[in-house]
Amino acid sequence: MLYKKAFGANFNLGFNLGDFPQLHDKSYHNDVCPSFWFMKNGQYFVLWVDFENPDDRESDSKRYTITTAENFGEDDYPEIGLSDESKNLFDTNEYQELILNLNQTFKNEIN
């Protein structure tokens, strides 16, 4: 898992990543926190999971943020990132709210 390599084996996501196979780890050590991309209805999104302790965060952002994203690669080899048009769609500090949002987002999807 990239996020563990980039942010440490003990980084706590606050949820079980295995429950959401639609999330693809795109974490990179130069980012401020782990990130995971997913696609819904042809649109790409990124879930950012910041540090559990707000004092460890580089900004005053919430722990969980979902933004719109863009594929700068190809369908077979996606390179998902933010563009100038990317927007925050969801943010919360509560993992329960994140789980509800992800369950709603992936509702009726076949894994």
PDB file of N, CA and C in Angstrom:
ATOM      1  N   MET A   1       0.842  -1.180   0.000  1.00  0.00           N
ATOM      2  CA  MET A   1       0.000   0.000   0.000  1.00  0.00           C
ATOM      3  C   MET A   1       0.885   1.240   0.000  1.00  0.00           C
ATOM      4  N   LEU A   2       0.692   2.065  -0.988  1.00  0.00           N
ATOM      5  CA  LEU A   2       1.523   3.252  -1.142  1.00  0.00           C
ATOM      6  C   LEU A   2       1.444   4.186   0.060  1.00  0.00           C
ATOM      7  N   TYR A   3       0.256   4.351   0.618  1.00  0.00           N
ATOM      8  CA  TYR A   3       0.109   5.311   1.714  1.00  0.00           C
ATOM      9  C   TYR A   3       0.943   4.903   2.919  1.00  0.00           C
ATOM     10  N   LYS A   4       1.080   3.612   3.178  1.00  0.00           N
ATOM     11  CA  LYS A   4       1.887   3.150   4.310  1.00  0.00           C
ATOM     12  C   LYS A   4       3.378   3.380   4.053  1.00  0.00           C
ATOM     13  N   LYS A   5       3.781   3.214   2.804  1.00  0.00           N
ATOM     14  CA  LYS A   5       5.179   3.461   2.460  1.00  0.00           C
ATOM     15  C   LYS A   5       5.500   4.954   2.568  1.00  0.00           C
ATOM     16  N   ALA A   6       4.571   5.794   2.113  1.00  0.00           N
ATOM     17  CA  ALA A   6       4.815   7.239   2.090  1.00  0.00           C
ATOM     18  C   ALA A   6       4.598   7.908   3.447  1.00  0.00           C
ATOM     19  N   PHE A   7       3.659   7.395   4.250  1.00  0.00           N
ATOM     20  CA  PHE A   7       3.276   8.085   5.484  1.00  0.00           C
ATOM     21  C   PHE A   7       3.437   7.239   6.744  1.00  0.00           C
ATOM     22  N   GLY A   8       3.994   6.055   6.593  1.00  0.00           N
ATOM     23  CA  GLY A   8       4.290   5.214   7.740  1.00  0.00           C
ATOM     24  C   GLY A   8       3.283   4.094   7.917  1.00  0.00           C
ATOM     25  N   ALA A   9       3.788   2.962   8.368  1.00  0.00           N
ATOM     26  CA  ALA A   9       2.953   1.767   8.533  1.00  0.00           C
ATOM     27  C   ALA A   9       1.851   1.962   9.557  1.00  0.00           C
ATOM     28  N   ASN A  10       2.016   2.919  10.455  1.00  0.00           N
ATOM     29  CA  ASN A  10       1.018   3.136  11.512  1.00  0.00           C
ATOM     30  C   ASN A  10       0.017   4.245  11.186  1.00  0.00           C
ATOM     31  N   PHE A  11       0.065   4.777   9.939  1.00  0.00           N
ATOM     32  CA  PHE A  11      -0.902   5.821   9.585  1.00  0.00           C
ATOM     33  C   PHE A  11      -2.313   5.237   9.669  1.00  0.00           C
ATOM     34  N   ASN A  12      -3.177   5.890  10.436  1.00  0.00           N
ATOM     35  CA  ASN A  12      -4.551   5.430  10.660  1.00  0.00           C
ATOM     36  C   ASN A  12      -5.500   6.156   9.716  1.00  0.00           C
ATOM     37  N   LEU A  13      -6.079   5.403   8.778  1.00  0.00           N
ATOM     38  CA  LEU A  13      -7.057   6.003   7.864  1.00  0.00           C
ATOM     39  C   LEU A  13      -8.377   6.304   8.557  1.00  0.00           C
ATOM     40  N   GLY A  14      -8.680   5.560   9.611  1.00  0.00           N
ATOM     41  CA  GLY A  14      -9.950   5.747  10.310  1.00  0.00           C
ATOM     42  C   GLY A  14     -11.073   4.901   9.733  1.00  0.00           C
ATOM     43  N   PHE A  15     -10.768   4.133   8.694  1.00  0.00           N
ATOM     44  CA  PHE A  15     -11.751   3.234   8.087  1.00  0.00           C
ATOM     45  C   PHE A  15     -10.975   2.086   7.454  1.00  0.00           C
ATOM     46  N   ASN A  16     -11.686   1.033   7.112  1.00  0.00           N
ATOM     47  CA  ASN A  16     -11.069  -0.140   6.508  1.00  0.00           C
ATOM     48  C   ASN A  16     -11.036   0.046   4.991  1.00  0.00           C
ATOM     49  N   LEU A  17      -9.855   0.257   4.458  1.00  0.00           N
ATOM     50  CA  LEU A  17      -9.700   0.479   3.019  1.00  0.00           C
ATOM     51  C   LEU A  17     -10.236  -0.702   2.215  1.00  0.00           C
ATOM     52  N   GLY A  18     -10.141  -1.899   2.757  1.00  0.00           N
ATOM     53  CA  GLY A  18     -10.632  -3.093   2.068  1.00  0.00           C
ATOM     54  C   GLY A  18     -12.135  -3.096   1.854  1.00  0.00           C
ATOM     55  N   ASP A  19     -12.864  -2.279   2.617  1.00  0.00           N
ATOM     56  CA  ASP A  19     -14.319  -2.173   2.441  1.00  0.00           C
ATOM     57  C   ASP A  19     -14.691  -1.388   1.186  1.00  0.00           C
ATOM     58  N   PHE A  20     -13.719  -0.701   0.600  1.00  0.00           N
ATOM     59  CA  PHE A  20     -13.980   0.163  -0.561  1.00  0.00           C
ATOM     60  C   PHE A  20     -12.976  -0.132  -1.672  1.00  0.00           C
ATOM     61  N   PRO A  21     -13.171  -1.240  -2.383  1.00  0.00           N
ATOM     62  CA  PRO A  21     -12.226  -1.603  -3.447  1.00  0.00           C
ATOM     63  C   PRO A  21     -12.211  -0.607  -4.605  1.00  0.00           C
ATOM     64  N   GLN A  22     -13.160   0.304  -4.637  1.00  0.00           N
ATOM     65  CA  GLN A  22     -13.201   1.331  -5.684  1.00  0.00           C
ATOM     66  C   GLN A  22     -12.114   2.386  -5.473  1.00  0.00           C
ATOM     67  N   LEU A  23     -11.559   2.462  -4.251  1.00  0.00           N
ATOM     68  CA  LEU A  23     -10.529   3.449  -3.943  1.00  0.00           C
ATOM     69  C   LEU A  23      -9.157   2.917  -4.338  1.00  0.00           C
ATOM     70  N   HIS A  24      -8.459   3.687  -5.171  1.00  0.00           N
ATOM     71  CA  HIS A  24      -7.128   3.315  -5.658  1.00  0.00           C
ATOM     72  C   HIS A  24      -6.095   4.238  -5.009  1.00  0.00           C
ATOM     73  N   ASP A  25      -5.168   3.632  -4.299  1.00  0.00           N
ATOM     74  CA  ASP A  25      -4.150   4.395  -3.580  1.00  0.00           C
ATOM     75  C   ASP A  25      -3.256   5.140  -4.561  1.00  0.00           C
ATOM     76  N   LYS A  26      -3.174   6.452  -4.427  1.00  0.00           N
ATOM     77  CA  LYS A  26      -2.298   7.272  -5.258  1.00  0.00           C
ATOM     78  C   LYS A  26      -1.363   8.117  -4.398  1.00  0.00           C
ATOM     79  N   SER A  27      -1.171   7.681  -3.173  1.00  0.00           N
ATOM     80  CA  SER A  27      -0.371   8.445  -2.214  1.00  0.00           C
ATOM     81  C   SER A  27       1.066   8.598  -2.694  1.00  0.00           C
ATOM     82  N   TYR A  28       1.618   9.757  -2.379  1.00  0.00           N
ATOM     83  CA  TYR A  28       2.970  10.098  -2.791  1.00  0.00           C
ATOM     84  C   TYR A  28       3.630  10.842  -1.641  1.00  0.00           C
ATOM     85  N   HIS A  29       4.884  10.559  -1.378  1.00  0.00           N
ATOM     86  CA  HIS A  29       5.558  11.118  -0.203  1.00  0.00           C
ATOM     87  C   HIS A  29       5.670  12.641  -0.212  1.00  0.00           C
ATOM     88  N   ASN A  30       5.581  13.278  -1.353  1.00  0.00           N
ATOM     89  CA  ASN A  30       5.640  14.740  -1.395  1.00  0.00           C
ATOM     90  C   ASN A  30       4.281  15.402  -1.157  1.00  0.00           C
ATOM     91  N   ASP A  31       3.207  14.615  -1.122  1.00  0.00           N
ATOM     92  CA  ASP A  31       1.889  15.162  -0.793  1.00  0.00           C
ATOM     93  C   ASP A  31       1.798  15.363   0.721  1.00  0.00           C
ATOM     94  N   VAL A  32       0.834  16.150   1.158  1.00  0.00           N
ATOM     95  CA  VAL A  32       0.700  16.426   2.594  1.00  0.00           C
ATOM     96  C   VAL A  32       0.009  15.296   3.343  1.00  0.00           C
ATOM     97  N   CYS A  33      -0.680  14.404   2.605  1.00  0.00           N
ATOM     98  CA  CYS A  33      -1.384  13.297   3.252  1.00  0.00           C
ATOM     99  C   CYS A  33      -1.729  12.236   2.203  1.00  0.00           C
ATOM    100  N   PRO A  34      -2.116  11.048   2.646  1.00  0.00           N
ATOM    101  CA  PRO A  34      -2.511   9.994   1.707  1.00  0.00           C
ATOM    102  C   PRO A  34      -3.704  10.406   0.849  1.00  0.00           C
ATOM    103  N   SER A  35      -3.772   9.827  -0.348  1.00  0.00           N
ATOM    104  CA  SER A  35      -4.889  10.130  -1.239  1.00  0.00           C
ATOM    105  C   SER A  35      -5.249   8.893  -2.043  1.00  0.00           C
ATOM    106  N   PHE A  36      -6.520   8.836  -2.422  1.00  0.00           N
ATOM    107  CA  PHE A  36      -7.079   7.687  -3.124  1.00  0.00           C
ATOM    108  C   PHE A  36      -8.014   8.201  -4.200  1.00  0.00           C
ATOM    109  N   TRP A  37      -7.855   7.697  -5.424  1.00  0.00           N
ATOM    110  CA  TRP A  37      -8.741   8.151  -6.504  1.00  0.00           C
ATOM    111  C   TRP A  37      -9.828   7.116  -6.751  1.00  0.00           C
ATOM    112  N   PHE A  38     -10.940   7.616  -7.297  1.00  0.00           N
ATOM    113  CA  PHE A  38     -12.022   6.747  -7.741  1.00  0.00           C
ATOM    114  C   PHE A  38     -12.758   7.436  -8.873  1.00  0.00           C
ATOM    115  N   MET A  39     -13.548   6.650  -9.594  1.00  0.00           N
ATOM    116  CA  MET A  39     -14.316   7.196 -10.703  1.00  0.00           C
ATOM    117  C   MET A  39     -15.783   6.867 -10.491  1.00  0.00           C
ATOM    118  N   LYS A  40     -16.631   7.809 -10.802  1.00  0.00           N
ATOM    119  CA  LYS A  40     -18.080   7.629 -10.715  1.00  0.00           C
ATOM    120  C   LYS A  40     -18.714   8.363 -11.887  1.00  0.00           C
ATOM    121  N   ASN A  41     -19.495   7.623 -12.681  1.00  0.00           N
ATOM    122  CA  ASN A  41     -20.187   8.210 -13.834  1.00  0.00           C
ATOM    123  C   ASN A  41     -19.241   8.965 -14.767  1.00  0.00           C
ATOM    124  N   GLY A  42     -18.064   8.410 -14.999  1.00  0.00           N
ATOM    125  CA  GLY A  42     -17.113   9.010 -15.927  1.00  0.00           C
ATOM    126  C   GLY A  42     -16.310  10.164 -15.361  1.00  0.00           C
ATOM    127  N   GLN A  43     -16.548  10.544 -14.109  1.00  0.00           N
ATOM    128  CA  GLN A  43     -15.826  11.651 -13.470  1.00  0.00           C
ATOM    129  C   GLN A  43     -14.840  11.076 -12.451  1.00  0.00           C
ATOM    130  N   TYR A  44     -13.654  11.654 -12.399  1.00  0.00           N
ATOM    131  CA  TYR A  44     -12.645  11.243 -11.422  1.00  0.00           C
ATOM    132  C   TYR A  44     -12.731  12.103 -10.169  1.00  0.00           C
ATOM    133  N   PHE A  45     -12.390  11.483  -9.053  1.00  0.00           N
ATOM    134  CA  PHE A  45     -12.402  12.143  -7.753  1.00  0.00           C
ATOM    135  C   PHE A  45     -11.194  11.680  -6.957  1.00  0.00           C
ATOM    136  N   VAL A  46     -10.784  12.491  -5.991  1.00  0.00           N
ATOM    137  CA  VAL A  46      -9.717  12.111  -5.073  1.00  0.00           C
ATOM    138  C   VAL A  46     -10.217  12.291  -3.646  1.00  0.00           C
ATOM    139  N   LEU A  47     -10.012  11.261  -2.844  1.00  0.00           N
ATOM    140  CA  LEU A  47     -10.253  11.322  -1.407  1.00  0.00           C
ATOM    141  C   LEU A  47      -8.916  11.556  -0.734  1.00  0.00           C
ATOM    142  N   TRP A  48      -8.808  12.663   0.001  1.00  0.00           N
ATOM    143  CA  TRP A  48      -7.619  12.980   0.782  1.00  0.00           C
ATOM    144  C   TRP A  48      -7.905  12.597   2.229  1.00  0.00           C
ATOM    145  N   VAL A  49      -6.983  11.878   2.861  1.00  0.00           N
ATOM    146  CA  VAL A  49      -7.130  11.478   4.261  1.00  0.00           C
ATOM    147  C   VAL A  49      -5.975  12.095   5.034  1.00  0.00           C
ATOM    148  N   ASP A  50      -6.291  13.147   5.777  1.00  0.00           N
ATOM    149  CA  ASP A  50      -5.257  13.860   6.511  1.00  0.00           C
ATOM    150  C   ASP A  50      -4.993  13.186   7.852  1.00  0.00           C
ATOM    151  N   PHE A  51      -4.015  13.674   8.552  1.00  0.00           N
ATOM    152  CA  PHE A  51      -3.618  13.091   9.828  1.00  0.00           C
ATOM    153  C   PHE A  51      -4.747  13.184  10.852  1.00  0.00           C
ATOM    154  N   GLU A  52      -4.812  12.172  11.700  1.00  0.00           N
ATOM    155  CA  GLU A  52      -5.846  12.097  12.725  1.00  0.00           C
ATOM    156  C   GLU A  52      -5.770  13.287  13.678  1.00  0.00           C
ATOM    157  N   ASN A  53      -4.581  13.629  14.099  1.00  0.00           N
ATOM    158  CA  ASN A  53      -4.387  14.749  15.021  1.00  0.00           C
ATOM    159  C   ASN A  53      -4.266  16.045  14.216  1.00  0.00           C
ATOM    160  N   PRO A  54      -5.162  16.995  14.444  1.00  0.00           N
ATOM    161  CA  PRO A  54      -5.109  18.258  13.677  1.00  0.00           C
ATOM    162  C   PRO A  54      -3.766  18.981  13.796  1.00  0.00           C
ATOM    163  N   ASP A  55      -3.052  18.795  14.905  1.00  0.00           N
ATOM    164  CA  ASP A  55      -1.744  19.447  15.073  1.00  0.00           C
ATOM    165  C   ASP A  55      -0.705  18.903  14.100  1.00  0.00           C
ATOM    166  N   ASP A  56      -0.938  17.709  13.549  1.00  0.00           N
ATOM    167  CA  ASP A  56      -0.007  17.097  12.604  1.00  0.00           C
ATOM    168  C   ASP A  56      -0.297  17.498  11.153  1.00  0.00           C
ATOM    169  N   ARG A  57      -1.386  18.199  10.924  1.00  0.00           N
ATOM    170  CA  ARG A  57      -1.769  18.596   9.563  1.00  0.00           C
ATOM    171  C   ARG A  57      -1.030  19.862   9.149  1.00  0.00           C
ATOM    172  N   GLU A  58      -0.736  19.963   7.868  1.00  0.00           N
ATOM    173  CA  GLU A  58      -0.036  21.146   7.352  1.00  0.00           C
ATOM    174  C   GLU A  58      -0.965  22.328   7.119  1.00  0.00           C
ATOM    175  N   SER A  59      -2.267  22.066   7.077  1.00  0.00           N
ATOM    176  CA  SER A  59      -3.231  23.150   6.880  1.00  0.00           C
ATOM    177  C   SER A  59      -4.389  22.948   7.849  1.00  0.00           C
ATOM    178  N   ASP A  60      -5.350  23.844   7.779  1.00  0.00           N
ATOM    179  CA  ASP A  60      -6.515  23.740   8.672  1.00  0.00           C
ATOM    180  C   ASP A  60      -7.652  22.953   8.023  1.00  0.00           C
ATOM    181  N   SER A  61      -7.296  22.102   7.053  1.00  0.00           N
ATOM    182  CA  SER A  61      -8.313  21.322   6.359  1.00  0.00           C
ATOM    183  C   SER A  61      -8.909  20.271   7.281  1.00  0.00           C
ATOM    184  N   LYS A  62     -10.051  19.767   6.876  1.00  0.00           N
ATOM    185  CA  LYS A  62     -10.691  18.671   7.609  1.00  0.00           C
ATOM    186  C   LYS A  62      -9.904  17.393   7.350  1.00  0.00           C
ATOM    187  N   ARG A  63     -10.175  16.374   8.133  1.00  0.00           N
ATOM    188  CA  ARG A  63      -9.442  15.120   7.994  1.00  0.00           C
ATOM    189  C   ARG A  63      -9.732  14.439   6.658  1.00  0.00           C
ATOM    190  N   TYR A  64     -10.986  14.469   6.223  1.00  0.00           N
ATOM    191  CA  TYR A  64     -11.387  13.797   4.979  1.00  0.00           C
ATOM    192  C   TYR A  64     -11.927  14.833   3.998  1.00  0.00           C
ATOM    193  N   THR A  65     -11.378  14.831   2.789  1.00  0.00           N
ATOM    194  CA  THR A  65     -11.826  15.758   1.755  1.00  0.00           C
ATOM    195  C   THR A  65     -11.940  14.995   0.437  1.00  0.00           C
ATOM    196  N   ILE A  66     -13.038  15.211  -0.268  1.00  0.00           N
ATOM    197  CA  ILE A  66     -13.201  14.646  -1.613  1.00  0.00           C
ATOM    198  C   ILE A  66     -13.231  15.803  -2.599  1.00  0.00           C
ATOM    199  N   THR A  67     -12.371  15.712  -3.617  1.00  0.00           N
ATOM    200  CA  THR A  67     -12.287  16.747  -4.644  1.00  0.00           C
ATOM    201  C   THR A  67     -12.522  16.139  -6.022  1.00  0.00           C
ATOM    202  N   THR A  68     -12.951  16.971  -6.940  1.00  0.00           N
ATOM    203  CA  THR A  68     -12.998  16.543  -8.335  1.00  0.00           C
ATOM    204  C   THR A  68     -11.557  16.442  -8.835  1.00  0.00           C
ATOM    205  N   ALA A  69     -11.345  15.611  -9.835  1.00  0.00           N
ATOM    206  CA  ALA A  69      -9.993  15.389 -10.352  1.00  0.00           C
ATOM    207  C   ALA A  69     -10.056  15.135 -11.851  1.00  0.00           C
ATOM    208  N   GLU A  70      -8.889  14.956 -12.413  1.00  0.00           N
ATOM    209  CA  GLU A  70      -8.777  14.750 -13.853  1.00  0.00           C
ATOM    210  C   GLU A  70      -7.755  13.647 -14.124  1.00  0.00           C
ATOM    211  N   ASN A  71      -7.968  12.903 -15.200  1.00  0.00           N
ATOM    212  CA  ASN A  71      -7.008  11.889 -15.616  1.00  0.00           C
ATOM    213  C   ASN A  71      -6.065  12.521 -16.636  1.00  0.00           C
ATOM    214  N   PHE A  72      -4.810  12.675 -16.239  1.00  0.00           N
ATOM    215  CA  PHE A  72      -3.808  13.246 -17.134  1.00  0.00           C
ATOM    216  C   PHE A  72      -3.097  12.161 -17.939  1.00  0.00           C
ATOM    217  N   GLY A  73      -3.449  10.903 -17.670  1.00  0.00           N
ATOM    218  CA  GLY A  73      -2.874   9.778 -18.384  1.00  0.00           C
ATOM    219  C   GLY A  73      -3.863   9.227 -19.386  1.00  0.00           C
ATOM    220  N   GLU A  74      -3.847   7.910 -19.528  1.00  0.00           N
ATOM    221  CA  GLU A  74      -4.755   7.224 -20.431  1.00  0.00           C
ATOM    222  C   GLU A  74      -5.644   6.301 -19.612  1.00  0.00           C
ATOM    223  N   ASP A  75      -6.725   5.830 -20.218  1.00  0.00           N
ATOM    224  CA  ASP A  75      -7.658   4.973 -19.490  1.00  0.00           C
ATOM    225  C   ASP A  75      -6.976   3.741 -18.911  1.00  0.00           C
ATOM    226  N   ASP A  76      -6.064   3.135 -19.676  1.00  0.00           N
ATOM    227  CA  ASP A  76      -5.368   1.938 -19.201  1.00  0.00           C
ATOM    228  C   ASP A  76      -4.293   2.254 -18.170  1.00  0.00           C
ATOM    229  N   TYR A  77      -3.765   3.460 -18.186  1.00  0.00           N
ATOM    230  CA  TYR A  77      -2.707   3.887 -17.271  1.00  0.00           C
ATOM    231  C   TYR A  77      -3.050   5.270 -16.714  1.00  0.00           C
ATOM    232  N   PRO A  78      -4.033   5.320 -15.833  1.00  0.00           N
ATOM    233  CA  PRO A  78      -4.486   6.631 -15.340  1.00  0.00           C
ATOM    234  C   PRO A  78      -3.436   7.332 -14.484  1.00  0.00           C
ATOM    235  N   GLU A  79      -3.396   8.632 -14.616  1.00  0.00           N
ATOM    236  CA  GLU A  79      -2.589   9.515 -13.779  1.00  0.00           C
ATOM    237  C   GLU A  79      -3.543  10.576 -13.251  1.00  0.00           C
ATOM    238  N   ILE A  80      -4.128  10.280 -12.116  1.00  0.00           N
ATOM    239  CA  ILE A  80      -5.190  11.118 -11.574  1.00  0.00           C
ATOM    240  C   ILE A  80      -4.596  12.232 -10.724  1.00  0.00           C
ATOM    241  N   GLY A  81      -5.029  13.450 -11.005  1.00  0.00           N
ATOM    242  CA  GLY A  81      -4.538  14.599 -10.254  1.00  0.00           C
ATOM    243  C   GLY A  81      -5.548  15.725 -10.263  1.00  0.00           C
ATOM    244  N   LEU A  82      -5.198  16.775  -9.563  1.00  0.00           N
ATOM    245  CA  LEU A  82      -6.057  17.953  -9.494  1.00  0.00           C
ATOM    246  C   LEU A  82      -5.723  18.890 -10.637  1.00  0.00           C
ATOM    247  N   SER A  83      -6.722  19.601 -11.075  1.00  0.00           N
ATOM    248  CA  SER A  83      -6.521  20.614 -12.103  1.00  0.00           C
ATOM    249  C   SER A  83      -6.936  21.966 -11.530  1.00  0.00           C
ATOM    250  N   ASP A  84      -6.774  23.009 -12.321  1.00  0.00           N
ATOM    251  CA  ASP A  84      -7.193  24.338 -11.874  1.00  0.00           C
ATOM    252  C   ASP A  84      -8.694  24.398 -11.617  1.00  0.00           C
ATOM    253  N   GLU A  85      -9.442  23.507 -12.261  1.00  0.00           N
ATOM    254  CA  GLU A  85     -10.903  23.493 -12.110  1.00  0.00           C
ATOM    255  C   GLU A  85     -11.378  22.582 -10.981  1.00  0.00           C
ATOM    256  N   SER A  86     -10.468  21.885 -10.305  1.00  0.00           N
ATOM    257  CA  SER A  86     -10.860  20.960  -9.235  1.00  0.00           C
ATOM    258  C   SER A  86     -11.551  21.716  -8.102  1.00  0.00           C
ATOM    259  N   LYS A  87     -12.563  21.051  -7.557  1.00  0.00           N
ATOM    260  CA  LYS A  87     -13.355  21.656  -6.484  1.00  0.00           C
ATOM    261  C   LYS A  87     -13.518  20.666  -5.343  1.00  0.00           C
ATOM    262  N   ASN A  88     -13.555  21.196  -4.118  1.00  0.00           N
ATOM    263  CA  ASN A  88     -13.881  20.367  -2.968  1.00  0.00           C
ATOM    264  C   ASN A  88     -15.379  20.107  -2.967  1.00  0.00           C
ATOM    265  N   LEU A  89     -15.754  18.840  -2.865  1.00  0.00           N
ATOM    266  CA  LEU A  89     -17.165  18.465  -2.863  1.00  0.00           C
ATOM    267  C   LEU A  89     -17.653  18.035  -1.491  1.00  0.00           C
ATOM    268  N   PHE A  90     -16.733  17.590  -0.644  1.00  0.00           N
ATOM    269  CA  PHE A  90     -17.119  17.028   0.651  1.00  0.00           C
ATOM    270  C   PHE A  90     -15.928  17.151   1.579  1.00  0.00           C
ATOM    271  N   ASP A  91     -16.188  17.539   2.820  1.00  0.00           N
ATOM    272  CA  ASP A  91     -15.136  17.483   3.829  1.00  0.00           C
ATOM    273  C   ASP A  91     -15.743  17.320   5.213  1.00  0.00           C
ATOM    274  N   THR A  92     -15.030  16.566   6.029  1.00  0.00           N
ATOM    275  CA  THR A  92     -15.485  16.282   7.384  1.00  0.00           C
ATOM    276  C   THR A  92     -14.308  15.800   8.212  1.00  0.00           C
ATOM    277  N   ASN A  93     -14.441  15.913   9.514  1.00  0.00           N
ATOM    278  CA  ASN A  93     -13.472  15.319  10.431  1.00  0.00           C
ATOM    279  C   ASN A  93     -13.952  13.973  10.942  1.00  0.00           C
ATOM    280  N   GLU A  94     -15.202  13.634  10.664  1.00  0.00           N
ATOM    281  CA  GLU A  94     -15.826  12.442  11.232  1.00  0.00           C
ATOM    282  C   GLU A  94     -15.784  11.267  10.252  1.00  0.00           C
ATOM    283  N   TYR A  95     -15.176  10.168  10.666  1.00  0.00           N
ATOM    284  CA  TYR A  95     -15.088   9.010   9.777  1.00  0.00           C
ATOM    285  C   TYR A  95     -16.469   8.441   9.470  1.00  0.00           C
ATOM    286  N   GLN A  96     -17.419   8.571  10.413  1.00  0.00           N
ATOM    287  CA  GLN A  96     -18.761   8.045  10.168  1.00  0.00           C
ATOM    288  C   GLN A  96     -19.425   8.770   8.991  1.00  0.00           C
ATOM    289  N   GLU A  97     -19.219  10.070   8.901  1.00  0.00           N
ATOM    290  CA  GLU A  97     -19.770  10.842   7.779  1.00  0.00           C
ATOM    291  C   GLU A  97     -19.106  10.435   6.465  1.00  0.00           C
ATOM    292  N   LEU A  98     -17.803  10.172   6.521  1.00  0.00           N
ATOM    293  CA  LEU A  98     -17.104   9.708   5.318  1.00  0.00           C
ATOM    294  C   LEU A  98     -17.674   8.373   4.858  1.00  0.00           C
ATOM    295  N   ILE A  99     -17.845   7.437   5.791  1.00  0.00           N
ATOM    296  CA  ILE A  99     -18.368   6.112   5.449  1.00  0.00           C
ATOM    297  C   ILE A  99     -19.751   6.240   4.811  1.00  0.00           C
ATOM    298  N   LEU A 100     -20.614   7.063   5.387  1.00  0.00           N
ATOM    299  CA  LEU A 100     -21.950   7.276   4.804  1.00  0.00           C
ATOM    300  C   LEU A 100     -21.845   7.825   3.389  1.00  0.00           C
ATOM    301  N   ASN A 101     -20.941   8.788   3.190  1.00  0.00           N
ATOM    302  CA  ASN A 101     -20.762   9.383   1.869  1.00  0.00           C
ATOM    303  C   ASN A 101     -20.256   8.350   0.870  1.00  0.00           C
ATOM    304  N   LEU A 102     -19.253   7.559   1.262  1.00  0.00           N
ATOM    305  CA  LEU A 102     -18.716   6.546   0.345  1.00  0.00           C
ATOM    306  C   LEU A 102     -19.744   5.470   0.044  1.00  0.00           C
ATOM    307  N   ASN A 103     -20.479   5.038   1.066  1.00  0.00           N
ATOM    308  CA  ASN A 103     -21.520   4.028   0.829  1.00  0.00           C
ATOM    309  C   ASN A 103     -22.564   4.542  -0.149  1.00  0.00           C
ATOM    310  N   GLN A 104     -22.948   5.795  -0.014  1.00  0.00           N
ATOM    311  CA  GLN A 104     -23.924   6.395  -0.929  1.00  0.00           C
ATOM    312  C   GLN A 104     -23.322   6.525  -2.334  1.00  0.00           C
ATOM    313  N   THR A 105     -22.078   6.938  -2.403  1.00  0.00           N
ATOM    314  CA  THR A 105     -21.403   7.115  -3.697  1.00  0.00           C
ATOM    315  C   THR A 105     -21.309   5.802  -4.452  1.00  0.00           C
ATOM    316  N   PHE A 106     -20.970   4.727  -3.747  1.00  0.00           N
ATOM    317  CA  PHE A 106     -20.741   3.441  -4.402  1.00  0.00           C
ATOM    318  C   PHE A 106     -21.959   2.532  -4.351  1.00  0.00           C
ATOM    319  N   LYS A 107     -23.087   3.041  -3.909  1.00  0.00           N
ATOM    320  CA  LYS A 107     -24.316   2.259  -3.834  1.00  0.00           C
ATOM    321  C   LYS A 107     -24.662   1.710  -5.221  1.00  0.00           C
ATOM    322  N   ASN A 108     -25.088   0.475  -5.263  1.00  0.00           N
ATOM    323  CA  ASN A 108     -25.504  -0.212  -6.491  1.00  0.00           C
ATOM    324  C   ASN A 108     -24.379  -0.506  -7.470  1.00  0.00           C
ATOM    325  N   GLU A 109     -23.115  -0.320  -7.029  1.00  0.00           N
ATOM    326  CA  GLU A 109     -22.001  -0.663  -7.915  1.00  0.00           C
ATOM    327  C   GLU A 109     -21.627  -2.120  -7.720  1.00  0.00           C
ATOM    328  N   ILE A 110     -21.261  -2.754  -8.804  1.00  0.00           N
ATOM    329  CA  ILE A 110     -20.762  -4.127  -8.749  1.00  0.00           C
ATOM    330  C   ILE A 110     -19.254  -4.057  -8.638  1.00  0.00           C
ATOM    331  N   ASN A 111     -18.702  -4.737  -7.643  1.00  0.00           N
ATOM    332  CA  ASN A 111     -17.237  -4.702  -7.444  1.00  0.00           C
ATOM    333  C   ASN A 111     -16.562  -5.764  -8.259  1.00  0.00           C
TER     334      ASN A 111
END
